[in-house]
């Protein structure tokens, strides 16, 4: 999960603006994220959430930070429709394990 989390930050549109200190902060956050997922230490979840919010993890975070993230690769794609026989959890799991 932490590798997926890290890769999403590494390839995010906002990553283009990150300074070295931002990456160091995210490395510390990744260690907390790993501890949370690998060892079930869920007390780290709120701190990980707060730290990720500083970088615009969610649409609400980006709005609060006044970040506008344009992803030109999604601009021309049609919306993906979920087949009726796939549950939400199954499709999420498939996307994560891809």
C-alpha atoms as a PDB file:
ATOM      1  CA  UNK A   1       0.000   0.000   0.000  1.00  0.00           C
ATOM      2  CA  UNK A   2       2.828   2.406   0.797  1.00  0.00           C
ATOM      3  CA  UNK A   3       4.478   1.783  -2.561  1.00  0.00           C
ATOM      4  CA  UNK A   4       1.185   2.585  -4.262  1.00  0.00           C
ATOM      5  CA  UNK A   5       0.765   5.664  -2.036  1.00  0.00           C
ATOM      6  CA  UNK A   6       4.318   6.834  -2.804  1.00  0.00           C
ATOM      7  CA  UNK A   7       3.934   6.276  -6.525  1.00  0.00           C
ATOM      8  CA  UNK A   8       0.745   8.324  -6.541  1.00  0.00           C
ATOM      9  CA  UNK A   9       2.639  11.242  -4.961  1.00  0.00           C
ATOM     10  CA  UNK A  10       5.644  10.776  -7.208  1.00  0.00           C
ATOM     11  CA  UNK A  11       3.517  10.981 -10.344  1.00  0.00           C
ATOM     12  CA  UNK A  12       1.010  13.571  -9.121  1.00  0.00           C
ATOM     13  CA  UNK A  13       0.651  16.855 -10.977  1.00  0.00           C
ATOM     14  CA  UNK A  14       1.547  18.818  -7.859  1.00  0.00           C
ATOM     15  CA  UNK A  15       4.826  16.882  -7.439  1.00  0.00           C
ATOM     16  CA  UNK A  16       6.348  19.137 -10.092  1.00  0.00           C
ATOM     17  CA  UNK A  17       6.381  21.916  -7.500  1.00  0.00           C
ATOM     18  CA  UNK A  18       7.845  19.928  -4.572  1.00  0.00           C
ATOM     19  CA  UNK A  19      11.186  21.063  -3.163  1.00  0.00           C
ATOM     20  CA  UNK A  20      13.741  18.745  -1.551  1.00  0.00           C
ATOM     21  CA  UNK A  21      12.359  19.498   1.906  1.00  0.00           C
ATOM     22  CA  UNK A  22       8.881  18.503   0.721  1.00  0.00           C
ATOM     23  CA  UNK A  23      10.173  15.126  -0.418  1.00  0.00           C
ATOM     24  CA  UNK A  24      11.945  14.590   2.906  1.00  0.00           C
ATOM     25  CA  UNK A  25       8.708  15.390   4.732  1.00  0.00           C
ATOM     26  CA  UNK A  26       6.874  12.907   2.505  1.00  0.00           C
ATOM     27  CA  UNK A  27       9.528  10.243   3.173  1.00  0.00           C
ATOM     28  CA  UNK A  28       8.863  10.588   6.904  1.00  0.00           C
ATOM     29  CA  UNK A  29       5.152  10.420   6.159  1.00  0.00           C
ATOM     30  CA  UNK A  30       5.676   7.294   4.049  1.00  0.00           C
ATOM     31  CA  UNK A  31       7.350   5.608   7.015  1.00  0.00           C
ATOM     32  CA  UNK A  32       4.265   6.367   9.117  1.00  0.00           C
ATOM     33  CA  UNK A  33       2.052   5.115   6.297  1.00  0.00           C
ATOM     34  CA  UNK A  34       4.041   1.868   6.128  1.00  0.00           C
ATOM     35  CA  UNK A  35       3.842   1.371   9.887  1.00  0.00           C
ATOM     36  CA  UNK A  36       0.118   1.957   9.726  1.00  0.00           C
ATOM     37  CA  UNK A  37      -0.506  -0.596   6.963  1.00  0.00           C
ATOM     38  CA  UNK A  38       2.170  -3.189   7.730  1.00  0.00           C
ATOM     39  CA  UNK A  39       1.771  -3.283  11.491  1.00  0.00           C
ATOM     40  CA  UNK A  40      -1.829  -2.203  11.928  1.00  0.00           C
ATOM     41  CA  UNK A  41      -0.769   0.902  13.863  1.00  0.00           C
ATOM     42  CA  UNK A  42      -3.837   2.928  12.921  1.00  0.00           C
ATOM     43  CA  UNK A  43      -3.025   5.665  15.421  1.00  0.00           C
ATOM     44  CA  UNK A  44      -0.795   7.054  12.649  1.00  0.00           C
ATOM     45  CA  UNK A  45      -3.765   7.521  10.295  1.00  0.00           C
ATOM     46  CA  UNK A  46      -4.702  11.018  11.464  1.00  0.00           C
ATOM     47  CA  UNK A  47      -1.114  12.247  11.249  1.00  0.00           C
ATOM     48  CA  UNK A  48      -0.689  10.772   7.757  1.00  0.00           C
ATOM     49  CA  UNK A  49      -3.946  12.427   6.711  1.00  0.00           C
ATOM     50  CA  UNK A  50      -2.852  15.808   8.098  1.00  0.00           C
ATOM     51  CA  UNK A  51       0.560  15.557   6.457  1.00  0.00           C
ATOM     52  CA  UNK A  52      -0.891  14.530   3.075  1.00  0.00           C
ATOM     53  CA  UNK A  53      -3.390  17.392   3.270  1.00  0.00           C
ATOM     54  CA  UNK A  54      -0.485  19.852   3.313  1.00  0.00           C
ATOM     55  CA  UNK A  55       0.341  18.727  -0.231  1.00  0.00           C
ATOM     56  CA  UNK A  56      -3.212  18.665  -1.593  1.00  0.00           C
ATOM     57  CA  UNK A  57      -4.141  15.001  -1.289  1.00  0.00           C
ATOM     58  CA  UNK A  58      -7.880  15.468  -1.824  1.00  0.00           C
ATOM     59  CA  UNK A  59      -9.980  17.842  -3.914  1.00  0.00           C
ATOM     60  CA  UNK A  60     -10.967  19.618  -0.681  1.00  0.00           C
ATOM     61  CA  UNK A  61      -7.305  20.008   0.313  1.00  0.00           C
ATOM     62  CA  UNK A  62      -6.444  21.431  -3.099  1.00  0.00           C
ATOM     63  CA  UNK A  63      -9.352  23.881  -2.900  1.00  0.00           C
ATOM     64  CA  UNK A  64      -8.225  25.023   0.564  1.00  0.00           C
ATOM     65  CA  UNK A  65      -4.671  25.465  -0.725  1.00  0.00           C
ATOM     66  CA  UNK A  66      -5.982  27.163  -3.891  1.00  0.00           C
ATOM     67  CA  UNK A  67      -4.198  24.574  -6.027  1.00  0.00           C
ATOM     68  CA  UNK A  68      -5.513  23.931  -9.486  1.00  0.00           C
ATOM     69  CA  UNK A  69      -4.287  20.632 -10.842  1.00  0.00           C
ATOM     70  CA  UNK A  70      -4.768  20.127 -14.556  1.00  0.00           C
ATOM     71  CA  UNK A  71      -4.283  16.624 -15.879  1.00  0.00           C
ATOM     72  CA  UNK A  72      -4.207  16.876 -19.668  1.00  0.00           C
ATOM     73  CA  UNK A  73      -4.260  13.090 -20.060  1.00  0.00           C
ATOM     74  CA  UNK A  74      -7.766  12.934 -18.565  1.00  0.00           C
ATOM     75  CA  UNK A  75      -9.175  15.866 -20.531  1.00  0.00           C
ATOM     76  CA  UNK A  76      -9.748  13.856 -23.716  1.00  0.00           C
ATOM     77  CA  UNK A  77     -10.792  10.544 -22.200  1.00  0.00           C
ATOM     78  CA  UNK A  78     -14.419   9.504 -21.982  1.00  0.00           C
ATOM     79  CA  UNK A  79     -15.695   8.521 -18.534  1.00  0.00           C
ATOM     80  CA  UNK A  80     -15.124   4.870 -17.692  1.00  0.00           C
ATOM     81  CA  UNK A  81     -18.341   2.989 -17.100  1.00  0.00           C
ATOM     82  CA  UNK A  82     -18.402   0.206 -14.549  1.00  0.00           C
ATOM     83  CA  UNK A  83     -19.915  -3.090 -15.726  1.00  0.00           C
ATOM     84  CA  UNK A  84     -23.077  -3.938 -13.791  1.00  0.00           C
ATOM     85  CA  UNK A  85     -21.645  -7.255 -12.587  1.00  0.00           C
ATOM     86  CA  UNK A  86     -18.647  -5.673 -10.788  1.00  0.00           C
ATOM     87  CA  UNK A  87     -19.127  -4.423  -7.258  1.00  0.00           C
ATOM     88  CA  UNK A  88     -17.533  -1.195  -6.115  1.00  0.00           C
ATOM     89  CA  UNK A  89     -15.142  -3.023  -3.778  1.00  0.00           C
ATOM     90  CA  UNK A  90     -14.114  -5.454  -6.522  1.00  0.00           C
ATOM     91  CA  UNK A  91     -13.378  -2.672  -8.962  1.00  0.00           C
ATOM     92  CA  UNK A  92     -11.404  -0.762  -6.336  1.00  0.00           C
ATOM     93  CA  UNK A  93      -9.412  -3.859  -5.459  1.00  0.00           C
ATOM     94  CA  UNK A  94      -8.729  -4.517  -9.145  1.00  0.00           C
ATOM     95  CA  UNK A  95      -7.482  -0.963  -9.642  1.00  0.00           C
ATOM     96  CA  UNK A  96      -5.210  -1.198  -6.594  1.00  0.00           C
ATOM     97  CA  UNK A  97      -3.735  -4.571  -7.450  1.00  0.00           C
ATOM     98  CA  UNK A  98      -3.908  -3.858 -11.172  1.00  0.00           C
END
